[in-house]
């Protein structure tokens, strides 16, 4: 476990650095030397750990294949070495696939041949390479678009001047072009409105929390369904509320089909200690002591972390000061995030999310576009309201603003604007970068509608709007 954890550090950092420019990591085209001998057709066998990368046993290929030829591919986070391979002729070739990354990868050829290796493992098999060559990719969602693609070219087919760059990758988990916005489906299930009320602080000082990892379809706007990856079956995941000094034990079981992990920003722990790969069917307990008050993010850190966050794997942790927060009349928890849609019922589109000038399809509060515009949040005029706000991103800032009010108490990332301060200062909006959180307080002065938005109004039209409805909503009463 410790070794895998150490690899995850490198994998996560490498994923951030390579995801946007992964093709630059591709090795140049090259031709393999002779292998020792061919293995029996169709065999796939585990060869061992990271140090067992010896050439596979020999295979006699079909009539067109050379007698002594092998294909060797290394997977790292997130790419292949080499990504462009040349063989001398069409035929059946033994394949050695070695995973030096921190998470599970596979090499999937366009004909459906697939070899899967855990971190540090090597597997062998064989593949038929036609005269026109063959593309390959990692079929784990997000890995192909993040740069894990390549191609095998046939030397006899390569003409002078022909490019030897990898051909387009197979479409096992999406192609190499960002998806256009899907068309709304009138038959899509209706969205389920999330209760915006902040949860009560957990009683006691030691907390055991079950947080299953669940992959499921979620309607994120009227007519649009995403196959989301979630903590606890919701986007965002459940809000956890404790106080300084509490110990939190989070019990995770991966009920999904791919590896995930978790990173609590409220914790202090080495990345290679607890932010580890949790494979399908496995369980892990993440333990931390809440030493600092604040509004904190938690999220999946499995490479590419951008894709896992963009597809719903995030949530909020509220840590109150040891003596708690002053009592108010109502409390709410709002998480701003973005959806980059792929096809209907598919995961979020990684390539869209990875653009350096992000253009999300929806920007939302608590996972669903316009849900609190469609059904406003009820408050009382003259009563004190507290809102815990988190920008989960993954890419865009928030300028959280409630129309018609002034925040008279703000705590942002540990910096406080106190109610009743000597200068009588107030706040109109709270600026949050991704992963930053704040607590804002205000009092609606009369019955009426108090919309809340991110004050970047191009995002309001994409779903980042809700309404606090004070009293009966009519200021003339």
Protein backbone atom coordinates (compact mmCIF):
# COMPACT_ATOMS: atom_id res chain seq x y z
CA UNK A 1 0.00 0.00 0.00
CA UNK A 2 2.83 2.44 0.86
CA UNK A 3 4.50 1.86 -2.50
CA UNK A 4 1.25 2.44 -4.37
CA UNK A 5 0.73 5.59 -2.34
CA UNK A 6 4.15 6.90 -3.30
CA UNK A 7 3.35 6.24 -6.93
CA UNK A 8 0.10 8.14 -6.60
CA UNK A 9 2.00 11.28 -5.65
CA UNK A 10 3.97 11.11 -8.85
CA UNK A 11 0.92 10.02 -10.83
CA UNK A 12 -1.26 12.85 -9.64
CA UNK A 13 1.41 15.48 -10.23
CA UNK A 14 2.29 14.01 -13.60
CA UNK A 15 -1.36 13.85 -14.56
CA UNK A 16 -1.75 17.59 -13.96
CA UNK A 17 1.37 18.34 -15.96
CA UNK A 18 0.74 15.97 -18.84
CA UNK A 19 -2.99 15.92 -19.36
CA UNK A 20 -3.12 19.06 -21.47
CA UNK A 21 -0.06 18.24 -23.53
CA UNK A 22 0.18 14.46 -23.39
CA UNK A 23 1.05 14.02 -27.10
CA UNK A 24 4.38 15.72 -26.37
CA UNK A 25 5.28 12.75 -24.15
CA UNK A 26 4.96 10.30 -27.01
CA UNK A 27 8.23 8.64 -27.94
CA UNK A 28 9.25 8.87 -31.59
CA UNK A 29 8.40 6.07 -33.98
CA UNK A 30 10.76 3.13 -33.72
CA UNK A 31 11.14 -0.49 -34.73
CA UNK A 32 11.58 -3.28 -32.19
CA UNK A 33 14.48 -5.67 -32.16
CA UNK A 34 14.00 -9.41 -32.25
CA UNK A 35 12.13 -11.13 -29.44
CA UNK A 36 13.29 -14.43 -27.97
CA UNK A 37 10.50 -16.66 -29.22
CA UNK A 38 6.73 -16.55 -29.88
CA UNK A 39 4.19 -17.68 -27.22
CA UNK A 40 1.06 -19.70 -27.71
CA UNK A 41 -1.66 -17.76 -29.56
CA UNK A 42 -4.14 -15.87 -27.36
CA UNK A 43 -2.18 -16.33 -24.09
CA UNK A 44 -2.42 -13.55 -21.51
CA UNK A 45 -0.33 -14.03 -18.37
CA UNK A 46 0.83 -11.94 -15.42
CA UNK A 47 4.58 -11.67 -15.51
CA UNK A 48 5.17 -9.96 -12.16
CA UNK A 49 5.96 -6.57 -10.73
CA UNK A 50 7.62 -3.49 -12.08
CA UNK A 51 10.99 -5.15 -12.40
CA UNK A 52 9.85 -8.09 -14.52
CA UNK A 53 9.85 -6.55 -17.98
CA UNK A 54 11.68 -9.30 -19.81
CA UNK A 55 10.64 -10.07 -23.38
CA UNK A 56 7.77 -12.58 -23.64
CA UNK A 57 8.18 -16.12 -24.75
CA UNK A 58 8.13 -16.62 -28.54
CA UNK A 59 5.04 -16.83 -30.69
CA UNK A 60 4.79 -18.16 -34.14
CA UNK A 61 2.66 -15.55 -35.84
CA UNK A 62 0.44 -16.07 -38.84
CA UNK A 63 1.97 -16.52 -42.25
CA UNK A 64 2.55 -12.81 -42.74
CA UNK A 65 4.26 -12.20 -39.40
CA UNK A 66 8.01 -12.27 -38.88
CA UNK A 67 9.14 -15.16 -36.72
CA UNK A 68 10.97 -13.06 -34.13
CA UNK A 69 9.16 -9.82 -33.40
CA UNK A 70 7.57 -8.40 -30.24
CA UNK A 71 5.62 -5.29 -29.32
CA UNK A 72 6.42 -3.73 -25.96
CA UNK A 73 4.30 -0.92 -24.49
CA UNK A 74 4.75 0.88 -21.17
CA UNK A 75 1.84 2.77 -19.56
CA UNK A 76 2.52 5.73 -17.27
CA UNK A 77 0.23 8.45 -15.88
CA UNK A 78 -1.05 9.54 -18.46
CA UNK A 79 0.53 8.19 -21.64
CA UNK A 80 2.25 5.31 -23.44
CA UNK A 81 5.93 4.75 -24.19
CA UNK A 82 6.33 4.42 -27.12
CA UNK A 83 3.11 5.86 -28.53
CA UNK A 84 4.18 5.31 -32.16
CA UNK A 85 5.39 1.79 -33.01
CA UNK A 86 6.52 0.33 -36.34
CA UNK A 87 6.50 -3.37 -37.24
CA UNK A 88 7.99 -4.78 -40.45
CA UNK A 89 4.89 -6.53 -41.79
CA UNK A 90 1.28 -7.41 -41.07
CA UNK A 91 0.83 -10.38 -38.77
CA UNK A 92 0.26 -11.68 -35.25
CA UNK A 93 2.64 -10.22 -32.66
CA UNK A 94 3.27 -11.01 -29.00
CA UNK A 95 2.67 -8.00 -26.76
CA UNK A 96 4.29 -7.15 -23.44
CA UNK A 97 2.37 -4.47 -21.54
CA UNK A 98 4.00 -2.90 -18.46
CA UNK A 99 2.27 -0.43 -16.13
CA UNK A 100 4.67 1.93 -14.35
CA UNK A 101 1.87 4.31 -13.38
CA UNK A 102 0.14 4.77 -10.02
CA UNK A 103 -3.27 3.47 -11.09
CA UNK A 104 -4.61 0.61 -13.20
CA UNK A 105 -4.26 1.03 -16.96
CA UNK A 106 -5.00 -1.05 -20.02
CA UNK A 107 -3.93 -1.12 -23.63
CA UNK A 108 -6.95 -1.64 -25.88
CA UNK A 109 -6.34 -2.15 -29.60
CA UNK A 110 -8.91 -1.12 -32.19
CA UNK A 111 -9.78 -4.76 -32.91
CA UNK A 112 -10.88 -5.22 -29.27
CA UNK A 113 -7.71 -6.90 -27.96
CA UNK A 114 -7.22 -5.66 -24.39
CA UNK A 115 -4.49 -6.17 -21.78
CA UNK A 116 -4.98 -4.75 -18.25
CA UNK A 117 -2.23 -4.24 -15.67
CA UNK A 118 -2.27 -3.02 -12.08
CA UNK A 119 0.42 -0.53 -10.98
CA UNK A 120 3.86 -2.14 -11.19
CA UNK A 121 2.61 -5.22 -13.07
CA UNK A 122 3.41 -6.60 -16.52
CA UNK A 123 1.09 -8.74 -18.65
CA UNK A 124 1.54 -10.44 -22.01
CA UNK A 125 -0.72 -11.38 -24.89
CA UNK A 126 -0.84 -11.05 -28.64
CA UNK A 127 -2.51 -8.89 -31.26
CA UNK A 128 -3.17 -9.12 -35.00
CA UNK A 129 -1.74 -6.12 -36.87
CA UNK A 130 -3.34 -5.63 -40.30
CA UNK A 131 -1.52 -4.15 -43.28
CA UNK A 132 -3.01 -0.72 -42.54
CA UNK A 133 -1.74 -0.71 -38.96
CA UNK A 134 -3.67 -0.55 -35.68
CA UNK A 135 -4.46 2.14 -33.11
CA UNK A 136 -4.55 1.61 -29.35
CA UNK A 137 -5.58 3.49 -26.22
CA UNK A 138 -6.32 3.09 -22.52
CA UNK A 139 -10.05 2.47 -22.34
CA UNK A 140 -10.49 3.59 -18.73
CA UNK A 141 -12.75 6.68 -18.88
CA UNK A 142 -10.77 9.88 -19.28
CA UNK A 143 -7.42 8.20 -19.85
CA UNK A 144 -7.63 8.10 -23.66
CA UNK A 145 -8.67 11.75 -24.07
CA UNK A 146 -5.99 12.71 -21.53
CA UNK A 147 -3.28 11.40 -23.84
CA UNK A 148 -3.18 7.60 -23.50
CA UNK A 149 -3.37 6.83 -27.22
CA UNK A 150 -1.00 5.41 -29.80
CA UNK A 151 -0.65 3.47 -33.04
CA UNK A 152 1.19 0.57 -34.60
CA UNK A 153 2.28 1.19 -38.21
CA UNK A 154 3.38 -1.43 -40.74
CA UNK A 155 6.74 -0.62 -42.28
CA UNK A 156 5.82 -2.06 -45.66
CA UNK A 157 2.85 0.31 -45.85
CA UNK A 158 4.83 3.43 -44.95
CA UNK A 159 5.56 5.44 -48.08
CA UNK A 160 8.15 8.24 -48.29
CA UNK A 161 6.76 11.41 -46.78
CA UNK A 162 4.01 9.56 -44.91
CA UNK A 163 3.42 10.77 -41.36
CA UNK A 164 4.22 8.22 -38.71
CA UNK A 165 2.24 10.04 -36.01
CA UNK A 166 -0.32 7.91 -34.16
CA UNK A 167 -3.60 7.48 -35.97
CA UNK A 168 -6.86 8.39 -34.21
CA UNK A 169 -7.40 6.19 -31.19
CA UNK A 170 -10.19 3.61 -30.86
CA UNK A 171 -13.41 4.90 -29.35
CA UNK A 172 -13.59 2.66 -26.30
CA UNK A 173 -14.12 5.67 -24.02
CA UNK A 174 -14.61 8.54 -26.43
CA UNK A 175 -12.56 9.98 -29.26
CA UNK A 176 -9.99 12.74 -29.34
CA UNK A 177 -12.43 15.56 -30.15
CA UNK A 178 -14.48 17.35 -27.50
CA UNK A 179 -18.17 16.55 -27.67
CA UNK A 180 -20.69 19.11 -28.84
CA UNK A 181 -23.48 19.93 -26.40
CA UNK A 182 -26.10 17.17 -26.53
CA UNK A 183 -29.70 17.94 -27.35
CA UNK A 184 -32.13 17.97 -24.43
CA UNK A 185 -34.09 14.73 -24.15
CA UNK A 186 -37.75 15.40 -23.28
CA UNK A 187 -37.98 11.86 -21.92
CA UNK A 188 -35.05 12.25 -19.51
CA UNK A 189 -35.98 11.68 -15.84
CA UNK A 190 -36.86 14.81 -13.89
CA UNK A 191 -34.08 16.07 -11.68
CA UNK A 192 -34.24 15.49 -7.93
CA UNK A 193 -33.96 18.80 -6.06
CA UNK A 194 -31.27 18.75 -3.38
CA UNK A 195 -32.28 20.04 0.04
CA UNK A 196 -30.09 23.16 0.46
CA UNK A 197 -30.32 23.17 4.27
CA UNK A 198 -26.95 22.78 5.97
CA UNK A 199 -26.77 19.63 8.10
CA UNK A 200 -26.53 19.86 11.87
CA UNK A 201 -23.09 19.44 13.40
CA UNK A 202 -22.40 15.81 14.27
CA UNK A 203 -22.66 15.03 17.98
CA UNK A 204 -19.65 13.77 19.90
CA UNK A 205 -15.98 14.02 19.04
CA UNK A 206 -15.35 10.83 17.01
CA UNK A 207 -17.36 10.27 13.87
CA UNK A 208 -17.68 7.18 11.66
CA UNK A 209 -19.09 8.07 8.27
CA UNK A 210 -19.97 5.62 5.49
CA UNK A 211 -19.28 7.14 2.08
CA UNK A 212 -19.79 4.57 -0.70
CA UNK A 213 -18.40 5.33 -4.15
CA UNK A 214 -21.30 4.96 -6.60
CA UNK A 215 -21.42 5.44 -10.36
CA UNK A 216 -24.94 6.33 -11.52
CA UNK A 217 -27.03 8.36 -13.96
CA UNK A 218 -28.04 11.79 -12.65
CA UNK A 219 -30.21 14.41 -14.33
CA UNK A 220 -28.18 17.63 -14.05
CA UNK A 221 -30.58 19.95 -15.89
CA UNK A 222 -33.98 19.54 -17.51
CA UNK A 223 -33.44 17.01 -20.31
CA UNK A 224 -29.75 16.25 -19.62
CA UNK A 225 -28.39 13.09 -17.97
CA UNK A 226 -24.77 12.43 -16.94
CA UNK A 227 -23.34 9.07 -15.90
CA UNK A 228 -21.76 10.56 -12.80
CA UNK A 229 -19.14 9.20 -10.41
CA UNK A 230 -20.22 10.09 -6.89
CA UNK A 231 -19.52 9.96 -3.20
CA UNK A 232 -22.66 8.67 -1.53
CA UNK A 233 -24.77 8.64 -4.69
CA UNK A 234 -25.21 12.43 -4.96
CA UNK A 235 -23.48 15.39 -6.61
CA UNK A 236 -22.07 17.02 -4.61
CA UNK A 237 -21.42 14.32 -2.05
CA UNK A 238 -22.88 14.59 1.46
CA UNK A 239 -21.87 17.63 3.51
CA UNK A 240 -19.92 16.62 6.63
CA UNK A 241 -20.08 18.99 9.61
CA UNK A 242 -17.85 18.70 12.68
CA UNK A 243 -15.90 20.98 15.03
CA UNK A 244 -12.22 21.62 15.65
CA UNK A 245 -10.62 18.74 17.52
CA UNK A 246 -13.00 16.05 16.24
CA UNK A 247 -11.71 12.81 14.70
CA UNK A 248 -13.35 11.74 11.45
CA UNK A 249 -13.22 8.16 10.12
CA UNK A 250 -14.61 7.97 6.59
CA UNK A 251 -15.34 4.43 5.42
CA UNK A 252 -15.25 4.17 1.62
CA UNK A 253 -16.32 1.16 -0.44
CA UNK A 254 -15.88 1.35 -4.21
CA UNK A 255 -19.12 0.07 -5.73
CA UNK A 256 -18.15 1.36 -9.17
CA UNK A 257 -16.40 -0.12 -12.17
CA UNK A 258 -13.12 1.83 -12.02
CA UNK A 259 -10.59 2.98 -9.44
CA UNK A 260 -11.16 6.09 -7.33
CA UNK A 261 -9.63 7.80 -4.28
CA UNK A 262 -10.37 10.68 -1.92
CA UNK A 263 -8.60 13.81 -0.68
CA UNK A 264 -10.01 15.77 2.26
CA UNK A 265 -8.67 19.32 2.27
CA UNK A 266 -9.62 19.53 5.96
CA UNK A 267 -7.06 16.82 6.75
CA UNK A 268 -3.31 16.85 7.36
CA UNK A 269 -1.86 13.63 6.00
CA UNK A 270 0.80 12.66 3.50
CA UNK A 271 -0.55 12.07 0.03
CA UNK A 272 1.05 8.64 -0.12
CA UNK A 273 -0.50 7.65 3.21
CA UNK A 274 -4.25 7.89 2.66
CA UNK A 275 -4.94 9.29 -0.81
CA UNK A 276 -4.61 5.83 -2.30
CA UNK A 277 -6.21 3.95 -5.17
CA UNK A 278 -9.42 2.17 -4.15
CA UNK A 279 -10.15 -0.47 -6.77
CA UNK A 280 -13.66 -1.71 -7.61
CA UNK A 281 -14.94 -3.84 -4.73
CA UNK A 282 -12.28 -2.63 -2.31
CA UNK A 283 -12.79 -0.65 0.92
CA UNK A 284 -10.61 1.91 2.67
CA UNK A 285 -10.94 4.07 5.78
CA UNK A 286 -9.59 7.61 5.62
CA UNK A 287 -8.99 9.07 9.10
CA UNK A 288 -8.20 12.66 10.03
CA UNK A 289 -8.40 15.06 12.93
CA UNK A 290 -10.10 18.37 12.15
CA UNK A 291 -7.49 20.81 13.42
CA UNK A 292 -8.64 23.94 11.59
CA UNK A 293 -12.03 25.60 11.15
CA UNK A 294 -13.31 26.44 7.68
CA UNK A 295 -15.35 25.38 4.69
CA UNK A 296 -13.30 22.67 3.01
CA UNK A 297 -13.48 20.65 -0.18
CA UNK A 298 -13.10 16.91 -0.57
CA UNK A 299 -12.67 15.25 -3.95
CA UNK A 300 -11.36 12.25 -5.86
CA UNK A 301 -7.68 12.57 -6.71
CA UNK A 302 -7.33 9.65 -9.13
CA UNK A 303 -5.69 10.61 -12.43
CA UNK A 304 -6.90 12.51 -14.28
CA UNK A 305 -8.26 14.29 -11.19
CA UNK A 306 -9.81 16.92 -13.45
CA UNK A 307 -12.10 14.31 -15.00
CA UNK A 308 -13.12 12.75 -11.69
CA UNK A 309 -14.00 16.15 -10.20
CA UNK A 310 -15.75 17.30 -13.38
CA UNK A 311 -17.84 14.14 -13.26
CA UNK A 312 -19.16 14.74 -9.77
CA UNK A 313 -16.63 13.46 -7.22
CA UNK A 314 -16.52 16.33 -4.72
CA UNK A 315 -18.21 17.60 -1.59
CA UNK A 316 -18.06 20.00 1.37
CA UNK A 317 -16.72 19.64 4.91
CA UNK A 318 -17.70 22.28 7.48
CA UNK A 319 -15.39 22.50 10.49
CA UNK A 320 -16.71 24.86 13.16
CA UNK A 321 -14.51 26.48 15.80
CA UNK A 322 -14.23 24.43 18.97
CA UNK A 323 -16.87 26.55 20.68
CA UNK A 324 -19.15 26.45 17.64
CA UNK A 325 -20.67 29.24 15.56
CA UNK A 326 -23.15 31.83 16.84
CA UNK A 327 -26.77 30.78 16.47
CA UNK A 328 -28.67 32.05 13.43
CA UNK A 329 -32.21 31.44 12.20
CA UNK A 330 -31.45 29.46 9.03
CA UNK A 331 -28.37 27.84 7.50
CA UNK A 332 -27.75 26.62 3.96
CA UNK A 333 -24.90 24.89 2.11
CA UNK A 334 -24.23 25.73 -1.55
CA UNK A 335 -21.51 24.21 -3.75
CA UNK A 336 -20.81 25.81 -7.13
CA UNK A 337 -19.48 23.54 -9.88
CA UNK A 338 -19.45 23.00 -13.64
CA UNK A 339 -20.74 20.34 -16.04
CA UNK A 340 -18.94 19.66 -19.33
CA UNK A 341 -21.40 17.39 -21.09
CA UNK A 342 -20.59 14.45 -23.29
CA UNK A 343 -23.32 12.35 -24.90
CA UNK A 344 -26.59 11.81 -23.08
CA UNK A 345 -26.04 9.29 -20.28
CA UNK A 346 -22.23 9.42 -20.65
CA UNK A 347 -19.62 10.79 -18.23
CA UNK A 348 -18.55 14.42 -18.47
CA UNK A 349 -16.36 15.20 -21.48
CA UNK A 350 -12.72 15.37 -20.41
CA UNK A 351 -11.51 17.33 -23.44
CA UNK A 352 -14.07 20.08 -22.84
CA UNK A 353 -13.10 20.28 -19.18
CA UNK A 354 -9.40 20.40 -20.13
CA UNK A 355 -9.68 23.47 -22.36
CA UNK A 356 -7.52 26.36 -21.14
CA UNK A 357 -10.48 28.69 -21.81
CA UNK A 358 -13.24 26.65 -20.12
CA UNK A 359 -16.71 26.78 -21.64
CA UNK A 360 -18.98 24.59 -19.52
CA UNK A 361 -22.44 23.59 -20.63
CA UNK A 362 -23.80 24.30 -17.16
CA UNK A 363 -22.59 26.10 -14.04
CA UNK A 364 -24.66 25.00 -11.08
CA UNK A 365 -25.34 25.22 -7.39
CA UNK A 366 -25.54 21.82 -5.67
CA UNK A 367 -25.21 19.83 -8.88
CA UNK A 368 -28.30 20.89 -10.84
CA UNK A 369 -28.85 23.88 -13.12
CA UNK A 370 -31.47 26.39 -11.96
CA UNK A 371 -32.96 24.10 -9.32
CA UNK A 372 -33.36 26.91 -6.76
CA UNK A 373 -34.69 29.25 -9.43
CA UNK A 374 -37.36 26.70 -10.30
CA UNK A 375 -38.12 26.08 -6.60
CA UNK A 376 -36.79 28.95 -4.46
CA UNK A 377 -35.31 28.56 -0.99
CA UNK A 378 -37.70 29.85 1.65
CA UNK A 379 -36.39 32.32 4.26
CA UNK A 380 -38.01 34.85 6.61
CA UNK A 381 -37.71 38.62 6.39
CA UNK A 382 -35.90 40.08 9.35
CA UNK A 383 -34.33 36.72 10.23
CA UNK A 384 -30.64 35.96 10.09
CA UNK A 385 -29.38 33.66 7.30
CA UNK A 386 -26.01 31.91 7.14
CA UNK A 387 -24.72 30.31 3.92
CA UNK A 388 -21.72 27.99 3.66
CA UNK A 389 -20.35 28.41 0.13
CA UNK A 390 -17.76 26.29 -1.70
CA UNK A 391 -16.42 26.63 -5.22
CA UNK A 392 -15.63 23.06 -6.32
CA UNK A 393 -14.73 24.15 -9.84
CA UNK A 394 -12.98 22.32 -11.29
CA UNK A 395 -12.00 25.35 -13.37
CA UNK A 396 -13.99 28.54 -12.81
CA UNK A 397 -13.98 31.14 -10.04
CA UNK A 398 -17.13 32.17 -8.21
CA UNK A 399 -18.25 35.68 -7.24
CA UNK A 400 -21.06 34.73 -4.86
CA UNK A 401 -23.64 37.49 -4.55
CA UNK A 402 -27.17 37.72 -3.16
CA UNK A 403 -29.15 40.44 -4.92
CA UNK A 404 -30.74 42.96 -2.53
CA UNK A 405 -28.64 42.14 0.53
CA UNK A 406 -25.30 43.00 2.08
CA UNK A 407 -23.14 40.43 3.83
CA UNK A 408 -22.41 41.83 7.30
CA UNK A 409 -20.36 38.84 8.44
CA UNK A 410 -17.95 36.98 6.14
CA UNK A 411 -15.34 34.35 6.87
CA UNK A 412 -13.33 33.49 3.77
CA UNK A 413 -10.43 31.04 4.04
CA UNK A 414 -9.88 32.03 7.67
CA UNK A 415 -10.13 35.82 7.14
CA UNK A 416 -13.12 37.41 8.90
CA UNK A 417 -15.19 40.52 8.29
CA UNK A 418 -17.06 40.79 11.60
CA UNK A 419 -20.56 42.06 12.10
CA UNK A 420 -20.54 45.34 14.02
CA UNK A 421 -16.96 46.21 13.06
CA UNK A 422 -15.74 49.72 13.93
CA UNK A 423 -15.86 51.00 10.35
CA UNK A 424 -19.27 49.42 9.70
CA UNK A 425 -17.81 47.64 6.67
CA UNK A 426 -19.93 45.20 4.63
CA UNK A 427 -19.46 42.92 1.63
CA UNK A 428 -21.35 42.71 -1.66
CA UNK A 429 -19.78 39.54 -3.08
CA UNK A 430 -17.33 36.83 -2.03
CA UNK A 431 -14.71 35.82 -4.57
CA UNK A 432 -13.73 32.15 -4.47
CA UNK A 433 -11.20 30.32 -6.61
CA UNK A 434 -11.71 26.57 -7.13
CA UNK A 435 -11.43 24.71 -3.79
CA UNK A 436 -11.99 27.85 -1.70
CA UNK A 437 -14.83 28.20 0.77
CA UNK A 438 -16.57 30.89 2.80
CA UNK A 439 -19.32 31.58 5.30
CA UNK A 440 -21.59 34.58 4.61
CA UNK A 441 -24.41 36.01 6.72
CA UNK A 442 -27.17 38.45 5.88
CA UNK A 443 -30.69 39.48 6.87
CA UNK A 444 -33.43 40.06 4.26
CA UNK A 445 -35.00 43.38 5.24
CA UNK A 446 -38.45 42.74 3.75
CA UNK A 447 -40.57 40.12 2.03
CA UNK A 448 -39.54 39.59 -1.57
CA UNK A 449 -37.22 37.72 -3.90
CA UNK A 450 -33.45 37.74 -3.33
CA UNK A 451 -31.70 35.99 -6.24
CA UNK A 452 -28.25 34.50 -5.64
CA UNK A 453 -25.74 34.16 -8.45
CA UNK A 454 -22.12 34.09 -9.34
CA UNK A 455 -21.70 37.67 -10.50
CA UNK A 456 -19.99 36.53 -13.69
CA UNK A 457 -23.26 36.90 -15.55
CA UNK A 458 -22.27 34.84 -18.56
CA UNK A 459 -22.43 31.90 -16.13
CA UNK A 460 -25.82 32.89 -14.73
CA UNK A 461 -27.37 32.08 -18.10
CA UNK A 462 -25.82 28.61 -17.84
CA UNK A 463 -27.65 27.68 -14.66
CA UNK A 464 -25.78 29.46 -11.85
CA UNK A 465 -28.82 31.15 -10.33
CA UNK A 466 -31.21 30.54 -7.47
CA UNK A 467 -33.61 32.56 -5.33
CA UNK A 468 -34.08 33.15 -1.63
CA UNK A 469 -37.79 33.84 -1.24
CA UNK A 470 -38.49 35.92 1.88
CA UNK A 471 -41.95 35.63 3.39
CA UNK A 472 -44.62 35.47 0.73
CA UNK A 473 -42.31 37.01 -1.84
CA UNK A 474 -44.36 40.21 -2.17
CA UNK A 475 -42.67 43.35 -0.77
CA UNK A 476 -45.92 45.30 -1.02
CA UNK A 477 -47.59 43.24 1.74
